[in-house]
Amino acid sequence: MDQEKYLPELIAEKDSLDPSFVHAMRLLAEEIEKFEGDELRKDGEVKKYLDIISNKNIKLSERVLIPVQQYPKVRPQCSIQPTKW
């Protein structure tokens, strides 16, 4: 769909829709917010972007859950340390 026409069509559809269609109104409002590039997430946090131009070190972390009943030989180790380049 043409990006220039999409937002006005969404707004017109939301305005013409009967307010009794609560779920449709909510979905249209979410789509309008998403298309307008709203910077807030549902939990209220601002989206964070990584600065890929600078040469700063970036700390990445991920939590991994291992089912110990299925894999009893896997023992938790200390956190994985990044290698130096």
Protein backbone atom coordinates (compact mmCIF):
# COMPACT_ATOMS: atom_id res chain seq x y z
CA MET A 1 0.00 0.00 0.00
CA ASP A 2 1.18 3.53 -0.76
CA GLN A 3 2.80 4.94 2.39
CA GLU A 4 1.57 8.50 1.73
CA LYS A 5 -2.07 7.43 1.54
CA TYR A 6 -1.98 4.91 4.39
CA LEU A 7 -2.12 7.27 7.37
CA PRO A 8 -4.95 9.48 6.00
CA GLU A 9 -6.94 6.35 5.16
CA LEU A 10 -6.47 5.02 8.70
CA ILE A 11 -7.59 8.30 10.24
CA ALA A 12 -10.61 8.54 7.93
CA GLU A 13 -11.59 4.95 8.70
CA LYS A 14 -11.29 5.58 12.44
CA ASP A 15 -13.42 8.74 12.17
CA SER A 16 -16.12 7.00 10.14
CA LEU A 17 -16.25 3.89 12.34
CA ASP A 18 -19.09 3.50 14.83
CA PRO A 19 -17.79 3.87 18.43
CA SER A 20 -19.52 0.64 19.43
CA PHE A 21 -16.71 -1.27 17.66
CA VAL A 22 -14.32 -0.88 20.58
CA HIS A 23 -11.72 -3.42 19.46
CA ALA A 24 -11.59 -2.07 15.91
CA MET A 25 -11.13 1.47 17.27
CA ARG A 26 -8.31 0.28 19.53
CA LEU A 27 -6.57 -1.57 16.69
CA LEU A 28 -6.85 1.44 14.39
CA ALA A 29 -5.46 3.72 17.10
CA GLU A 30 -2.51 1.35 17.66
CA GLU A 31 -1.81 1.19 13.93
CA ILE A 32 -1.93 4.99 13.64
CA GLU A 33 0.48 5.35 16.58
CA LYS A 34 2.80 2.72 15.11
CA PHE A 35 2.79 4.39 11.71
CA GLU A 36 3.41 7.86 13.14
CA GLY A 37 6.56 6.49 14.76
CA ASP A 38 5.54 6.89 18.36
CA GLU A 39 8.72 6.64 20.45
CA LEU A 40 7.04 5.18 23.54
CA ARG A 41 6.55 1.52 24.23
CA LYS A 42 3.49 0.13 25.98
CA ASP A 43 5.40 -0.07 29.27
CA GLY A 44 6.22 3.65 29.04
CA GLU A 45 9.91 3.31 28.24
CA VAL A 46 11.47 5.23 25.39
CA LYS A 47 12.93 3.08 22.63
CA LYS A 48 16.70 2.91 22.92
CA TYR A 49 18.87 2.90 19.85
CA LEU A 50 22.49 1.83 19.76
CA ASP A 51 25.06 4.30 18.55
CA ILE A 52 26.79 2.26 15.87
CA ILE A 53 29.02 5.09 14.71
CA SER A 54 31.09 5.52 17.88
CA ASN A 55 33.69 2.99 18.92
CA LYS A 56 32.41 2.58 22.47
CA ASN A 57 32.21 -0.88 23.98
CA ILE A 58 28.68 -2.23 24.20
CA LYS A 59 27.65 -4.59 26.97
CA LEU A 60 25.21 -7.23 25.82
CA SER A 61 23.53 -9.64 28.19
CA GLU A 62 20.96 -12.39 27.85
CA ARG A 63 19.34 -14.60 30.43
CA VAL A 64 19.17 -18.26 29.49
CA LEU A 65 16.98 -20.73 31.36
CA ILE A 66 17.95 -24.40 31.09
CA PRO A 67 15.50 -27.09 32.23
CA VAL A 68 17.61 -29.12 34.68
CA GLN A 69 15.28 -32.13 34.61
CA GLN A 70 15.94 -32.56 30.90
CA TYR A 71 19.63 -31.63 31.01
CA PRO A 72 21.01 -32.65 34.43
CA LYS A 73 24.65 -32.55 33.30
CA VAL A 74 24.54 -28.88 32.42
CA ARG A 75 25.81 -26.90 35.36
CA PRO A 76 25.67 -23.13 35.63
CA GLN A 77 29.02 -21.51 35.04
CA CYS A 78 30.10 -17.99 35.78
CA SER A 79 28.87 -15.42 33.29
CA ILE A 80 30.43 -15.52 29.85
CA GLN A 81 33.24 -13.01 29.59
CA PRO A 82 33.80 -11.23 26.28
CA THR A 83 37.06 -11.93 24.53
CA LYS A 84 39.52 -9.10 23.94
CA TRP A 85 40.20 -8.31 20.32
